[in-house]
Amino acid sequence: MAVDFSLLPSEASAQISAPSRRVWIVAFLVMAMTGMLVVLVAWPQGMPTQTWKFWTTFVVFPLGISAWTVLRRYSVFEGRKLDAELSNEAVKAFNARVFEAASIPLAVLGAAHRFSSNPDENAPERIDKATLSLETRGSIAVVGEPVKARWLVIPGMRTTPGSGEDDRNRRRDVTTWLFGELLDELVPRIQQLPAQVDLVIRLSVSNGLTQQENEALWQDCWYARSLRKAEVMPTAESRFDLISLDKWLDEILANTSLHATLAVAVQLHPLLSGIPPTGSAEAGAALLLVPEELASRYRTPRMASLHRPVRGRLDQPDALSHAVKWGGLAANQIAGGWLTNIDSARAGALQESSRKLGLTVRPADLDQTVGFAGTAAPWLAVACAASSLSSDRAEQVVLVGENSHFDCAVLKRARLEEAPSK
C-alpha cells in the first residue's frame, strides 16, 4: 500500500497555553519593587541621591529587568506558537503531497464482460435493476439433478452428458469463444494505444486447462485479429486481482511498470461430466488499463478512472473511507455500487459500516443476479461498473469479498473531453 495513514505525521495540538496576564502583571510589579528596594539598600551612603545616576539605577534598571523578564516569557510563548503553526503547515503540505501522488488513478480505456451468449443478458442495466437473477436449472451431467448456477452455452456446444475429455474440450472451446468476444469488443481501444506504450497481458484463468494451454489459446485469438505486439506475463506472476492494482500504482509512482495492462479473467466449471458449484457462474471479463501519466501525455481517450483499491475488514469503515478519499469524493456522492463474494451475513456488517460513513447506495449483488464468477468476479464487477457509468451515476464503488476482508475501489466517469468518441 502506498500510504499507511497511521504512519503519516499528525498536526501538533493548537492548545498552547498563553501566559496569564494577571500573574505576570503581579510578577512585574513584585520584581520592579524588589529591584528598587535592593537599589535603596545597596546604594552607598556617601553618594548623593539627587543625581541622574541614582534615578537611573533606582527606576530604569528595576523596571527594565522586570520588563525584559516578562517579555521573555511572552517571547517563549509566541515562539512555541509559531513553531507549532509552521510545523502544522509543513505536515499539511507533506500529507497533501503524499495524498496527491497516491490518489492518481488508472485510466480505464475499455471494459468488456460476458456471462451469457445472449448479448441482451450481458447488459449491466439488467443486473443493476435486478431484472436478471440466478435460477435453478437442470444439470447436464446428471439428468434431472437441479442446480442453482449459470453456465455458458455457445453456438455448436455439446449439451448432453459426456466424459472428462468431452468436458475439457468444451471448456477449451468456451475459453476460445470468451477470448474472442472480449477481444472483439476491445480491439478499437487496443488500436488507440500509442505505439510508444508497451502492452502487458495478465491472464487469470480458472478452467481446468494448463497455463500454457490458455496462453496458446489467447495467442491464437490475439494474432487472428492482427493486433500489436504484447507480452503475456509468466505463469508465476499470473495472479492479478483487484488489490494487485495497489502494488502496480506504487510501482508507477516509482516510475517503473509504466505500461498498459490488459487484465483478462475467465472462470469455467465442469459441466458435461460434473455439476457446477451451487451459486456459481461462468464468466469472462477484460479491462484495458493505462497509468494516468501515459494517458494524459498521449491524450488517450478513456471511459473511466479507476482509483486505488483498499483492503479492509467488513465491520470497519476504514477501507471504504480511504477508497472514497482516493476518489476525491464524499461518501454520499457515490451513486452506484457492485458487490460480489460477500454473503448476506457479511453484507449486513458492511452495510452498517457504510451507513456510518454516509454511503447509502445499495450495491447490485452480482452473486444473486449473475452468480459468483470465482477468478473472474473482481474484474466482472469492475467491468460492469465501468460500463454503467453515466451522467447521473458518474461515481460508483466496487466491493469484492476476500475471506474475512474485502477490497473496494471507486470508479469515476471520464470527463467529456477525455471520453472516447462514439
Protein backbone atom coordinates (compact mmCIF):
# COMPACT_ATOMS: atom_id res chain seq x y z
CA MET A 1 0.00 0.00 0.00
CA ALA A 2 1.38 3.40 -0.93
CA VAL A 3 0.07 5.19 2.13
CA ASP A 4 -0.34 3.85 5.64
CA PHE A 5 -2.46 6.57 7.22
CA SER A 6 -1.25 5.60 10.69
CA LEU A 7 2.34 6.43 9.70
CA LEU A 8 1.63 9.89 8.35
CA PRO A 9 2.75 12.75 10.64
CA SER A 10 -0.08 14.37 12.53
CA GLU A 11 -0.59 18.02 13.32
CA ALA A 12 0.52 19.29 16.74
CA SER A 13 -2.14 20.45 19.13
CA ALA A 14 -3.01 24.11 18.82
CA GLN A 15 -3.77 24.26 22.54
CA ILE A 16 -0.66 26.12 23.70
CA SER A 17 -1.50 27.93 26.91
CA ALA A 18 -0.82 31.66 26.86
CA PRO A 19 0.85 33.23 29.93
CA SER A 20 -1.63 34.55 32.49
CA ARG A 21 -1.75 38.33 32.12
CA ARG A 22 -2.79 38.81 35.75
CA VAL A 23 0.02 36.62 37.07
CA TRP A 24 2.68 38.35 35.02
CA ILE A 25 1.46 41.87 35.88
CA VAL A 26 1.80 40.95 39.53
CA ALA A 27 5.19 39.39 38.82
CA PHE A 28 6.32 42.53 37.04
CA LEU A 29 5.31 44.76 39.95
CA VAL A 30 6.91 42.48 42.52
CA MET A 31 10.19 42.27 40.58
CA ALA A 32 10.23 46.06 39.97
CA MET A 33 9.55 46.89 43.64
CA THR A 34 12.08 44.30 44.77
CA GLY A 35 14.69 45.79 42.45
CA MET A 36 14.00 49.31 43.72
CA LEU A 37 14.27 48.12 47.31
CA VAL A 38 17.59 46.44 46.55
CA VAL A 39 18.87 49.70 44.99
CA LEU A 40 17.87 51.69 48.08
CA VAL A 41 19.50 49.22 50.44
CA ALA A 42 22.67 48.80 48.39
CA TRP A 43 23.18 52.47 47.46
CA PRO A 44 26.40 53.75 49.08
CA GLN A 45 25.68 56.16 51.94
CA GLY A 46 28.25 58.70 50.82
CA MET A 47 26.83 59.08 47.34
CA PRO A 48 24.19 61.72 46.61
CA THR A 49 20.68 60.58 45.62
CA GLN A 50 19.67 63.73 43.73
CA THR A 51 21.57 62.79 40.61
CA TRP A 52 20.63 61.15 37.31
CA LYS A 53 22.82 58.15 38.18
CA PHE A 54 20.72 57.40 41.24
CA TRP A 55 17.38 57.75 39.47
CA THR A 56 18.57 55.75 36.52
CA THR A 57 19.70 52.96 38.85
CA PHE A 58 16.57 53.27 41.03
CA VAL A 59 13.96 53.35 38.19
CA VAL A 60 15.35 52.22 34.86
CA PHE A 61 17.25 49.12 35.97
CA PRO A 62 14.47 47.51 38.09
CA LEU A 63 11.77 48.34 35.53
CA GLY A 64 13.96 47.28 32.58
CA ILE A 65 14.98 43.96 34.11
CA SER A 66 11.38 43.22 35.15
CA ALA A 67 10.05 44.16 31.70
CA TRP A 68 12.71 42.00 30.00
CA THR A 69 11.77 39.01 32.15
CA VAL A 70 8.05 39.38 31.40
CA LEU A 71 8.63 39.96 27.68
CA ARG A 72 10.95 36.96 27.56
CA ARG A 73 8.13 34.77 28.89
CA TYR A 74 5.79 36.09 26.20
CA SER A 75 8.52 35.64 23.60
CA VAL A 76 8.86 31.96 24.52
CA PHE A 77 5.08 31.57 24.18
CA GLU A 78 4.99 33.24 20.76
CA GLY A 79 7.97 31.16 19.63
CA ARG A 80 6.29 27.91 20.59
CA LYS A 81 3.07 29.06 18.93
CA LEU A 82 4.91 29.95 15.73
CA ASP A 83 6.83 26.65 15.77
CA ALA A 84 3.55 24.74 16.09
CA GLU A 85 1.96 26.70 13.25
CA LEU A 86 4.95 26.20 10.95
CA SER A 87 5.14 22.52 11.87
CA ASN A 88 1.44 22.04 11.13
CA GLU A 89 1.78 23.81 7.81
CA ALA A 90 4.71 21.54 6.90
CA VAL A 91 2.74 18.45 7.97
CA LYS A 92 -0.27 19.57 5.91
CA ALA A 93 1.91 20.22 2.87
CA PHE A 94 3.71 16.87 3.23
CA ASN A 95 0.49 14.90 3.70
CA ALA A 96 -1.09 16.74 0.77
CA ARG A 97 1.84 15.83 -1.49
CA VAL A 98 1.73 12.19 -0.38
CA PHE A 99 -2.04 12.05 -0.83
CA GLU A 100 -1.91 13.76 -4.22
CA ALA A 101 0.67 11.28 -5.51
CA ALA A 102 -1.06 8.19 -4.13
CA SER A 103 -4.52 9.25 -5.32
CA ILE A 104 -3.51 9.32 -9.00
CA PRO A 105 -5.86 6.80 -10.66
CA LEU A 106 -5.55 4.39 -13.54
CA ALA A 107 -7.25 5.26 -16.81
CA VAL A 108 -9.78 2.66 -17.96
CA LEU A 109 -9.61 2.70 -21.76
CA GLY A 110 -12.02 -0.17 -22.26
CA ALA A 111 -14.02 -2.84 -20.45
CA ALA A 112 -15.81 -5.97 -21.65
CA HIS A 113 -17.57 -8.88 -19.97
CA ARG A 114 -19.55 -11.99 -20.87
CA PHE A 115 -21.57 -14.38 -18.72
CA SER A 116 -24.07 -15.26 -21.44
CA SER A 117 -24.01 -15.82 -25.17
CA ASN A 118 -27.14 -13.65 -25.33
CA PRO A 119 -25.96 -10.02 -25.69
CA ASP A 120 -29.10 -8.66 -24.00
CA GLU A 121 -28.43 -10.63 -20.83
CA ASN A 122 -24.92 -9.19 -20.53
CA ALA A 123 -26.23 -5.61 -20.19
CA PRO A 124 -25.17 -4.14 -16.81
CA GLU A 125 -28.58 -2.41 -16.58
CA ARG A 126 -30.27 -5.79 -16.17
CA ILE A 127 -28.03 -6.62 -13.23
CA ASP A 128 -28.40 -3.21 -11.65
CA LYS A 129 -32.19 -3.25 -11.93
CA ALA A 130 -32.34 -6.89 -10.78
CA THR A 131 -34.29 -7.97 -13.85
CA LEU A 132 -31.74 -10.76 -14.17
CA SER A 133 -31.49 -13.45 -11.49
CA LEU A 134 -29.63 -16.66 -10.83
CA GLU A 135 -32.09 -19.50 -11.33
CA THR A 136 -32.21 -23.24 -10.62
CA ARG A 137 -31.69 -25.34 -13.74
CA GLY A 138 -31.40 -28.98 -14.57
CA SER A 139 -27.77 -30.04 -14.73
CA ILE A 140 -26.36 -31.53 -17.94
CA ALA A 141 -24.06 -34.15 -16.44
CA VAL A 142 -26.79 -35.70 -14.23
CA VAL A 143 -30.17 -35.51 -15.93
CA GLY A 144 -32.88 -34.29 -13.56
CA GLU A 145 -30.40 -33.05 -10.93
CA PRO A 146 -31.27 -29.41 -10.19
CA VAL A 147 -28.52 -26.89 -9.53
CA LYS A 148 -28.68 -23.15 -8.98
CA ALA A 149 -25.88 -21.99 -11.24
CA ARG A 150 -25.18 -20.23 -14.52
CA TRP A 151 -23.11 -21.61 -17.35
CA LEU A 152 -22.24 -20.55 -20.84
CA VAL A 153 -23.87 -22.22 -23.82
CA ILE A 154 -22.18 -21.10 -27.01
CA PRO A 155 -23.21 -21.90 -30.60
CA GLY A 156 -22.41 -25.51 -31.55
CA MET A 157 -21.61 -26.57 -27.99
CA ARG A 158 -22.49 -30.05 -26.81
CA THR A 159 -25.30 -30.00 -24.22
CA THR A 160 -25.52 -33.70 -23.33
CA PRO A 161 -23.58 -35.65 -20.67
CA GLY A 162 -20.04 -36.58 -21.63
CA SER A 163 -16.67 -37.77 -20.39
CA GLY A 164 -13.96 -35.79 -18.70
CA GLU A 165 -12.24 -35.35 -22.05
CA ASP A 166 -15.51 -34.08 -23.57
CA ASP A 167 -15.75 -31.57 -20.74
CA ARG A 168 -12.16 -30.49 -21.28
CA ASN A 169 -12.81 -29.94 -24.98
CA ARG A 170 -15.93 -27.97 -24.13
CA ARG A 171 -14.00 -25.68 -21.76
CA ARG A 172 -11.32 -25.19 -24.39
CA ASP A 173 -13.95 -24.13 -26.93
CA VAL A 174 -15.74 -21.83 -24.48
CA THR A 175 -12.44 -20.25 -23.43
CA THR A 176 -11.61 -19.54 -27.06
CA TRP A 177 -15.07 -18.08 -27.57
CA LEU A 178 -14.72 -15.86 -24.49
CA PHE A 179 -11.27 -14.63 -25.53
CA GLY A 180 -12.65 -13.78 -28.96
CA GLU A 181 -15.73 -11.99 -27.64
CA LEU A 182 -13.75 -9.90 -25.17
CA LEU A 183 -11.10 -9.01 -27.73
CA ASP A 184 -13.64 -8.09 -30.42
CA GLU A 185 -15.14 -5.53 -28.06
CA LEU A 186 -11.78 -4.12 -27.03
CA VAL A 187 -9.99 -4.11 -30.40
CA PRO A 188 -10.82 -0.42 -31.11
CA ARG A 189 -9.46 0.60 -27.71
CA ILE A 190 -6.30 -1.50 -28.12
CA GLN A 191 -5.69 0.07 -31.51
CA GLN A 192 -5.89 3.54 -29.92
CA LEU A 193 -2.87 2.79 -27.72
CA PRO A 194 0.18 4.80 -28.84
CA ALA A 195 2.99 2.66 -30.27
CA GLN A 196 5.34 4.10 -27.62
CA VAL A 197 3.30 2.48 -24.81
CA ASP A 198 4.15 -1.15 -24.07
CA LEU A 199 1.23 -3.52 -23.52
CA VAL A 200 1.24 -6.35 -20.97
CA ILE A 201 -1.39 -9.11 -20.82
CA ARG A 202 -2.39 -10.50 -17.41
CA LEU A 203 -4.33 -13.76 -17.78
CA SER A 204 -6.22 -15.05 -14.75
CA VAL A 205 -7.98 -18.18 -15.98
CA SER A 206 -9.59 -20.99 -14.00
CA ASN A 207 -10.92 -23.57 -16.46
CA GLY A 208 -9.09 -26.83 -15.78
CA LEU A 209 -6.56 -26.22 -18.55
CA THR A 210 -2.88 -25.54 -18.01
CA GLN A 211 -1.48 -22.04 -18.14
CA GLN A 212 0.46 -22.99 -21.28
CA GLU A 213 -2.73 -24.16 -22.98
CA ASN A 214 -4.57 -20.98 -22.04
CA GLU A 215 -1.71 -18.80 -23.28
CA ALA A 216 -1.71 -20.68 -26.58
CA LEU A 217 -5.46 -20.17 -26.97
CA TRP A 218 -5.03 -16.49 -26.18
CA GLN A 219 -2.20 -16.01 -28.64
CA ASP A 220 -4.25 -17.66 -31.40
CA CYS A 221 -7.14 -15.24 -30.75
CA TRP A 222 -4.75 -12.28 -30.48
CA TYR A 223 -2.87 -12.87 -33.73
CA ALA A 224 -6.06 -13.77 -35.59
CA ARG A 225 -7.04 -10.13 -35.15
CA SER A 226 -3.67 -8.79 -36.32
CA LEU A 227 -3.11 -6.89 -33.09
CA ARG A 228 0.10 -5.24 -31.94
CA LYS A 229 2.87 -6.99 -30.05
CA ALA A 230 2.07 -7.63 -26.40
CA GLU A 231 3.79 -9.53 -23.60
CA VAL A 232 1.86 -12.20 -21.68
CA MET A 233 3.10 -12.28 -18.10
CA PRO A 234 4.75 -15.54 -16.93
CA THR A 235 2.78 -18.17 -15.05
CA ALA A 236 4.40 -17.36 -11.70
CA GLU A 237 3.13 -13.78 -11.97
CA SER A 238 -0.27 -14.57 -13.47
CA ARG A 239 -2.40 -13.93 -10.36
CA PHE A 240 -3.79 -10.48 -10.83
CA ASP A 241 -6.77 -9.43 -8.73
CA LEU A 242 -8.22 -6.08 -7.70
CA ILE A 243 -5.80 -5.41 -4.84
CA SER A 244 -2.90 -6.10 -7.25
CA LEU A 245 -3.61 -2.68 -8.70
CA ASP A 246 -2.44 -1.16 -5.41
CA LYS A 247 1.05 -2.61 -5.94
CA TRP A 248 1.06 -1.56 -9.58
CA LEU A 249 0.16 2.01 -8.63
CA ASP A 250 3.07 2.02 -6.16
CA GLU A 251 5.41 0.91 -8.96
CA ILE A 252 4.05 3.65 -11.22
CA LEU A 253 4.87 6.23 -8.54
CA ALA A 254 8.43 4.92 -8.58
CA ASN A 255 8.49 5.39 -12.40
CA THR A 256 8.55 1.66 -13.05
CA SER A 257 5.91 -0.53 -14.74
CA LEU A 258 4.88 2.39 -16.97
CA HIS A 259 2.94 0.26 -19.43
CA ALA A 260 -0.64 -0.51 -20.41
CA THR A 261 -2.19 -3.65 -18.93
CA LEU A 262 -4.95 -5.79 -20.38
CA ALA A 263 -6.37 -7.77 -17.46
CA VAL A 264 -8.30 -10.83 -18.66
CA ALA A 265 -10.11 -13.20 -16.30
CA VAL A 266 -12.11 -16.34 -17.11
CA GLN A 267 -13.97 -18.75 -14.84
CA LEU A 268 -15.39 -22.06 -16.15
CA HIS A 269 -16.63 -25.18 -14.37
CA PRO A 270 -17.15 -28.86 -15.19
CA LEU A 271 -20.49 -29.20 -16.94
CA LEU A 272 -20.69 -32.32 -19.11
CA SER A 273 -19.03 -34.66 -16.62
CA GLY A 274 -19.76 -32.84 -13.35
CA ILE A 275 -22.16 -30.43 -11.67
CA PRO A 276 -21.15 -26.77 -11.28
CA PRO A 277 -20.93 -25.46 -7.70
CA THR A 278 -24.18 -24.07 -6.30
CA GLY A 279 -24.41 -20.30 -6.73
CA SER A 280 -21.60 -20.23 -9.29
CA ALA A 281 -21.40 -18.63 -12.72
CA GLU A 282 -19.18 -19.00 -15.74
CA ALA A 283 -17.93 -15.66 -16.97
CA GLY A 284 -15.15 -13.71 -18.58
CA ALA A 285 -14.09 -10.09 -18.16
CA ALA A 286 -11.35 -7.86 -19.52
CA LEU A 287 -10.15 -4.33 -18.74
CA LEU A 288 -7.63 -2.20 -20.59
CA LEU A 289 -5.81 -0.08 -18.01
CA VAL A 290 -3.19 2.64 -18.52
CA PRO A 291 -1.27 4.76 -15.98
CA GLU A 292 -2.70 8.27 -15.72
CA GLU A 293 0.62 9.82 -16.72
CA LEU A 294 0.70 7.95 -20.04
CA ALA A 295 -2.98 8.53 -20.78
CA SER A 296 -2.57 12.26 -20.20
CA ARG A 297 0.71 12.52 -22.09
CA TYR A 298 -0.68 10.89 -25.24
CA ARG A 299 -4.24 12.17 -24.75
CA THR A 300 -5.60 8.66 -24.98
CA PRO A 301 -9.42 8.54 -24.76
CA ARG A 302 -10.72 6.82 -21.65
CA MET A 303 -14.11 5.69 -20.39
CA ALA A 304 -13.39 5.95 -16.66
CA SER A 305 -10.80 6.47 -13.93
CA LEU A 306 -10.18 3.59 -11.54
CA HIS A 307 -8.86 4.80 -8.19
CA ARG A 308 -6.57 2.97 -5.80
CA PRO A 309 -8.19 -0.12 -4.24
CA VAL A 310 -8.13 -0.63 -0.48
CA ARG A 311 -8.40 -3.83 1.55
CA GLY A 312 -10.06 -3.83 4.97
CA ARG A 313 -12.35 -5.59 7.41
CA LEU A 314 -16.04 -5.84 6.67
CA ASP A 315 -17.10 -4.49 10.05
CA GLN A 316 -14.88 -1.41 9.92
CA PRO A 317 -15.44 1.63 7.67
CA ASP A 318 -11.73 2.50 7.30
CA ALA A 319 -11.24 0.77 3.94
CA LEU A 320 -14.33 2.38 2.43
CA SER A 321 -13.34 5.74 3.88
CA HIS A 322 -9.87 5.54 2.34
CA ALA A 323 -11.20 4.32 -1.02
CA VAL A 324 -13.60 7.27 -1.15
CA LYS A 325 -10.74 9.65 -0.27
CA TRP A 326 -8.64 8.29 -3.13
CA GLY A 327 -11.56 9.14 -5.39
CA GLY A 328 -11.68 12.70 -4.07
CA LEU A 329 -15.32 12.25 -3.07
CA ALA A 330 -17.66 12.35 -0.12
CA ALA A 331 -19.39 9.04 0.60
CA ASN A 332 -22.81 10.46 -0.23
CA GLN A 333 -21.61 11.28 -3.76
CA ILE A 334 -21.35 7.59 -4.64
CA ALA A 335 -24.34 6.90 -6.90
CA GLY A 336 -23.93 3.18 -7.58
CA GLY A 337 -22.18 0.06 -6.42
CA TRP A 338 -21.29 -3.50 -7.42
CA LEU A 339 -20.81 -6.28 -4.89
CA THR A 340 -19.54 -9.85 -5.18
CA ASN A 341 -18.41 -12.70 -2.92
CA ILE A 342 -20.00 -11.14 0.17
CA ASP A 343 -22.83 -13.22 1.62
CA SER A 344 -25.88 -11.74 3.35
CA ALA A 345 -24.44 -12.11 6.86
CA ARG A 346 -21.22 -10.29 5.96
CA ALA A 347 -23.12 -7.82 3.81
CA GLY A 348 -25.04 -6.75 6.93
CA ALA A 349 -21.79 -5.82 8.69
CA LEU A 350 -20.61 -3.99 5.59
CA GLN A 351 -23.89 -2.13 5.28
CA GLU A 352 -23.67 -0.98 8.88
CA SER A 353 -20.11 0.35 8.47
CA SER A 354 -21.13 2.01 5.17
CA ARG A 355 -24.04 3.75 6.86
CA LYS A 356 -21.70 5.18 9.50
CA LEU A 357 -19.58 6.59 6.69
CA GLY A 358 -22.59 8.13 4.93
CA LEU A 359 -22.65 5.68 2.00
CA THR A 360 -26.35 4.96 1.49
CA VAL A 361 -26.37 3.48 -2.02
CA ARG A 362 -27.42 -0.18 -2.24
CA PRO A 363 -24.93 -2.03 -4.47
CA ALA A 364 -26.04 -4.50 -7.14
CA ASP A 365 -25.29 -8.04 -5.90
CA LEU A 366 -23.65 -9.95 -8.74
CA ASP A 367 -23.82 -13.23 -6.82
CA GLN A 368 -27.63 -13.03 -6.69
CA THR A 369 -28.13 -11.90 -10.29
CA VAL A 370 -25.30 -13.49 -12.26
CA GLY A 371 -23.74 -15.89 -9.77
CA PHE A 372 -20.30 -15.97 -8.19
CA ALA A 373 -17.77 -15.84 -11.02
CA GLY A 374 -14.77 -17.03 -9.00
CA THR A 375 -11.49 -15.86 -10.55
CA ALA A 376 -13.37 -13.51 -12.86
CA ALA A 377 -15.57 -12.00 -10.11
CA PRO A 378 -13.48 -8.89 -9.28
CA TRP A 379 -12.97 -7.94 -12.91
CA LEU A 380 -16.60 -8.67 -13.78
CA ALA A 381 -17.64 -6.21 -11.06
CA VAL A 382 -15.20 -3.55 -12.30
CA ALA A 383 -16.23 -4.08 -15.93
CA CYS A 384 -19.92 -3.75 -15.05
CA ALA A 385 -19.22 -0.59 -13.04
CA ALA A 386 -17.16 0.99 -15.82
CA SER A 387 -19.75 0.12 -18.47
CA SER A 388 -22.65 1.51 -16.45
CA LEU A 389 -21.20 4.94 -15.63
CA SER A 390 -23.45 7.76 -16.79
CA SER A 391 -24.06 11.44 -16.13
CA ASP A 392 -26.37 10.70 -13.20
CA ARG A 393 -24.27 7.76 -11.95
CA ALA A 394 -20.81 9.17 -12.56
CA GLU A 395 -19.21 7.76 -9.38
CA GLN A 396 -19.53 4.11 -8.39
CA VAL A 397 -17.87 1.74 -5.96
CA VAL A 398 -16.82 -1.90 -6.35
CA LEU A 399 -16.86 -4.22 -3.32
CA VAL A 400 -15.19 -7.64 -3.55
CA GLY A 401 -15.13 -10.11 -0.66
CA GLU A 402 -11.85 -11.82 0.22
CA ASN A 403 -12.38 -14.27 3.12
CA SER A 404 -12.76 -12.10 6.26
CA HIS A 405 -11.74 -8.97 4.37
CA PHE A 406 -12.91 -7.13 1.32
CA ASP A 407 -11.41 -5.00 -1.41
CA CYS A 408 -13.04 -1.79 -2.57
CA ALA A 409 -12.30 0.79 -5.23
CA VAL A 410 -14.00 3.84 -6.70
CA LEU A 411 -14.60 4.43 -10.41
CA LYS A 412 -15.37 7.84 -11.87
CA ARG A 413 -16.77 8.60 -15.28
CA ALA A 414 -14.34 10.27 -17.69
CA ARG A 415 -14.82 13.94 -18.41
CA LEU A 416 -16.40 14.72 -21.75
CA GLU A 417 -13.10 15.78 -23.32
CA GLU A 418 -11.43 12.53 -22.14
CA ALA A 419 -14.14 10.13 -23.27
CA PRO A 420 -13.75 8.14 -26.49
CA SER A 421 -15.82 9.23 -29.45
CA LYS A 422 -18.88 7.14 -30.14
